[in-house]
Structure formats: structure tokens, C-alpha cells
N, C-alpha and C. Protein backbone atom coordinates (compact mmCIF):
# COMPACT_ATOMS: atom_id res chain seq x y z
N UNK A 1 0.97 -1.22 0.03
CA UNK A 1 0.00 0.18 0.00
C UNK A 1 0.72 1.21 -0.09
N UNK A 2 0.77 2.24 -0.94
CA UNK A 2 1.51 3.28 -0.91
C UNK A 2 0.45 4.65 -0.94
N UNK A 3 0.81 5.44 -0.07
CA UNK A 3 -0.03 7.04 -0.09
C UNK A 3 0.66 7.93 -0.80
N UNK A 4 -0.27 8.65 -1.55
CA UNK A 4 0.35 9.85 -2.30
C UNK A 4 -0.37 11.08 -1.84
N UNK A 5 0.37 12.10 -1.93
CA UNK A 5 -0.28 13.49 -1.67
C UNK A 5 -0.39 14.17 -3.02
N UNK A 6 -1.44 14.63 -3.39
CA UNK A 6 -1.64 15.27 -4.76
C UNK A 6 -2.41 16.81 -4.34
N UNK A 7 -1.50 17.77 -4.21
CA UNK A 7 -2.02 18.95 -3.51
C UNK A 7 -2.95 19.61 -4.51
N UNK A 8 -2.74 19.58 -5.76
CA UNK A 8 -4.07 20.23 -6.61
C UNK A 8 -5.19 19.55 -6.93
N UNK A 9 -5.42 18.60 -6.11
CA UNK A 9 -6.54 17.56 -6.68
C UNK A 9 -7.75 18.16 -5.59
N UNK A 10 -9.08 18.67 -6.25
CA UNK A 10 -9.84 19.20 -5.25
C UNK A 10 -11.27 19.26 -5.70
N UNK A 11 -11.53 18.54 -6.71
CA UNK A 11 -12.90 18.31 -6.79
C UNK A 11 -13.28 16.83 -7.44
N UNK A 12 -14.27 16.51 -7.64
CA UNK A 12 -14.61 15.36 -8.14
C UNK A 12 -14.36 14.86 -9.78
N UNK A 13 -14.23 15.95 -10.33
CA UNK A 13 -13.67 15.77 -11.61
C UNK A 13 -12.06 15.34 -11.61
N UNK A 14 -11.44 16.00 -10.94
CA UNK A 14 -10.04 15.88 -10.36
C UNK A 14 -9.77 14.24 -9.79
N UNK A 15 -10.66 13.79 -9.10
CA UNK A 15 -10.66 12.80 -8.49
C UNK A 15 -10.66 11.58 -9.35
N UNK A 16 -11.57 11.84 -10.40
CA UNK A 16 -12.05 10.77 -11.42
C UNK A 16 -10.65 10.89 -12.25
N UNK A 17 -10.13 11.80 -12.71
CA UNK A 17 -9.04 11.87 -13.50
C UNK A 17 -7.76 11.22 -12.79
N UNK A 18 -7.46 11.35 -11.56
CA UNK A 18 -6.64 10.75 -11.19
C UNK A 18 -6.76 9.20 -10.92
N UNK A 19 -8.04 8.70 -10.53
CA UNK A 19 -8.06 7.35 -10.53
C UNK A 19 -7.83 6.86 -11.95
N UNK A 20 -8.36 7.18 -12.69
CA UNK A 20 -8.37 6.97 -14.26
C UNK A 20 -6.67 6.70 -14.59
N UNK A 21 -5.73 7.71 -14.13
CA UNK A 21 -4.59 7.67 -14.46
C UNK A 21 -3.49 6.58 -13.68
N UNK A 22 -4.12 6.40 -12.47
CA UNK A 22 -3.39 5.62 -11.53
C UNK A 22 -4.02 4.06 -11.76
N UNK A 23 -5.23 3.63 -12.08
CA UNK A 23 -5.58 2.12 -12.02
C UNK A 23 -4.66 1.28 -13.13
N UNK A 24 -4.12 1.77 -14.04
CA UNK A 24 -3.38 1.02 -15.01
C UNK A 24 -1.83 0.49 -14.08
N UNK A 25 -1.42 1.27 -12.88
CA UNK A 25 -0.49 1.15 -12.33
C UNK A 25 -0.69 0.36 -10.98
N UNK A 26 -1.80 -0.16 -10.80
CA UNK A 26 -2.18 -0.59 -9.44
C UNK A 26 -3.66 -1.59 -9.42
N UNK A 27 -3.78 -2.23 -8.46
CA UNK A 27 -4.86 -3.22 -8.56
C UNK A 27 -6.11 -2.49 -7.57
N UNK A 28 -5.89 -1.47 -6.96
CA UNK A 28 -6.98 -0.51 -6.50
C UNK A 28 -6.54 0.82 -5.82
N UNK A 29 -7.48 1.88 -6.11
CA UNK A 29 -7.07 3.20 -5.83
C UNK A 29 -8.14 3.71 -5.10
N UNK A 30 -7.95 4.42 -3.84
CA UNK A 30 -8.87 4.84 -2.99
C UNK A 30 -8.43 6.38 -2.88
N UNK A 31 -9.45 7.49 -3.05
CA UNK A 31 -9.19 8.77 -2.95
C UNK A 31 -9.65 9.21 -1.90
N UNK A 32 -8.93 10.07 -0.94
CA UNK A 32 -9.62 11.03 -0.19
C UNK A 32 -9.36 12.21 -0.54
N UNK A 33 -10.41 12.67 -0.98
CA UNK A 33 -10.50 14.19 -1.71
C UNK A 33 -10.33 15.33 -0.37
N UNK A 34 -10.54 15.36 0.51
CA UNK A 34 -10.61 16.24 1.54
C UNK A 34 -9.08 16.26 2.20
N UNK A 35 -8.24 15.16 2.26
CA UNK A 35 -6.92 14.99 2.42
C UNK A 35 -5.93 15.42 1.43
N UNK A 36 -6.46 15.30 0.15
CA UNK A 36 -5.74 15.09 -1.00
C UNK A 36 -4.82 14.18 -1.01
N UNK A 37 -5.11 12.84 -0.71
CA UNK A 37 -4.39 11.77 -0.45
C UNK A 37 -5.00 10.59 -1.25
N UNK A 38 -4.07 9.85 -2.14
CA UNK A 38 -4.37 8.66 -2.88
C UNK A 38 -3.98 7.37 -2.14
N UNK A 39 -4.50 6.34 -1.94
CA UNK A 39 -3.96 5.04 -1.33
C UNK A 39 -3.99 4.08 -2.67
N UNK A 40 -2.70 3.56 -2.96
CA UNK A 40 -2.92 2.89 -4.07
C UNK A 40 -2.38 1.55 -3.41
N UNK A 41 -3.09 0.41 -3.78
CA UNK A 41 -2.75 -0.87 -3.49
C UNK A 41 -2.17 -1.89 -4.75
N UNK A 42 -1.26 -2.52 -4.23
CA UNK A 42 -0.69 -3.29 -5.52
C UNK A 42 -0.29 -2.63 -6.43
N UNK A 43 0.70 -1.52 -6.36
CA UNK A 43 1.39 -0.70 -7.04
C UNK A 43 2.17 -1.47 -7.99
N UNK A 44 2.62 -1.14 -9.26
CA UNK A 44 3.27 -1.82 -10.28
C UNK A 44 4.43 -1.28 -10.35
N UNK A 45 4.34 0.08 -10.78
CA UNK A 45 5.77 0.81 -11.19
C UNK A 45 5.13 2.39 -10.77
N UNK A 46 5.67 2.74 -9.44
CA UNK A 46 5.27 4.08 -9.00
C UNK A 46 6.21 5.28 -9.57
N UNK A 47 7.33 4.99 -10.11
CA UNK A 47 7.65 6.20 -10.92
C UNK A 47 6.98 6.62 -12.10
N UNK A 48 6.66 5.38 -12.97
CA UNK A 48 5.76 5.55 -13.79
C UNK A 48 4.30 6.20 -13.54
N UNK A 49 3.56 5.64 -12.38
CA UNK A 49 2.52 6.32 -11.94
C UNK A 49 2.58 7.73 -11.65
N UNK A 50 3.95 8.36 -10.74
CA UNK A 50 4.11 9.53 -10.96
C UNK A 50 4.22 10.45 -11.96
N UNK A 51 4.72 9.97 -12.75
CA UNK A 51 5.06 10.50 -14.15
C UNK A 51 3.57 10.83 -14.99
N UNK A 52 2.70 9.61 -14.89
CA UNK A 52 1.61 9.66 -15.36
C UNK A 52 0.81 10.92 -14.85
N UNK A 53 0.76 10.97 -13.38
CA UNK A 53 0.21 11.89 -12.94
C UNK A 53 0.62 13.33 -13.26
N UNK A 54 1.88 13.73 -13.18
CA UNK A 54 2.54 14.84 -13.49
C UNK A 54 2.06 15.25 -15.08
N UNK A 55 2.03 14.31 -15.97
CA UNK A 55 1.90 14.50 -17.46
C UNK A 55 0.48 15.12 -17.52
N UNK A 56 -0.67 14.73 -16.56
CA UNK A 56 -1.92 15.29 -16.78
C UNK A 56 -2.18 16.52 -15.95
N UNK A 57 -1.14 16.99 -15.07
CA UNK A 57 -1.21 18.28 -14.25
C UNK A 57 -1.56 18.05 -13.10
N UNK A 58 -1.07 17.06 -12.58
CA UNK A 58 -1.32 16.82 -10.95
C UNK A 58 -0.06 16.22 -10.53
N UNK A 59 0.72 17.04 -10.21
CA UNK A 59 2.15 16.48 -9.49
C UNK A 59 1.92 15.83 -8.01
N UNK A 60 2.60 15.01 -7.77
CA UNK A 60 2.35 14.10 -6.73
C UNK A 60 3.71 13.67 -6.04
N UNK A 61 3.65 13.43 -4.80
CA UNK A 61 4.56 13.02 -4.03
C UNK A 61 4.17 11.86 -2.90
N UNK A 62 5.05 10.71 -2.69
CA UNK A 62 4.75 9.76 -2.08
C UNK A 62 5.08 10.18 -0.64
N UNK A 63 3.95 9.98 0.40
CA UNK A 63 4.22 10.24 1.51
C UNK A 63 4.44 8.98 2.47
N UNK A 64 3.93 8.14 2.16
CA UNK A 64 4.08 6.57 2.86
C UNK A 64 4.02 5.25 1.84
N UNK A 65 4.86 4.55 2.10
CA UNK A 65 5.12 3.41 1.44
C UNK A 65 5.07 1.98 2.09
């Protein structure tokens, strides 16, 4: 399980966009919009996942692994 902080995620559309970007890299994605955190389970390639988020305008950082 990996926790990611995404500062610029603030609405339902952002949540859906982030989920869609992360699903190819994990078995499940759980978004806590209020905390601006995402919990990724079964992460396959976190550097690529973070790059995918960056590419769609959501720079992120891992806060717990």
C-alpha cells in the first residue's frame, strides 16, 4: 500500500482523472479528496505512475510506502 499526496486535487473531476491515471499501475485506488491523498494498493511501477500524474497536471509525491 502506497499513499500519495496530490496538492492540486480538489474536486470530483480531479478525483476521477487521478483514479483513471493510476488504475493501470495498481490493483486498487482509493481517493481521500478532503486530505488530497490517494492510497494505491498493488502498485506496479510507482515512478511511472507519478510521471503519469505529472503529465496530466497533477504533480504528486509519495508520503508513505
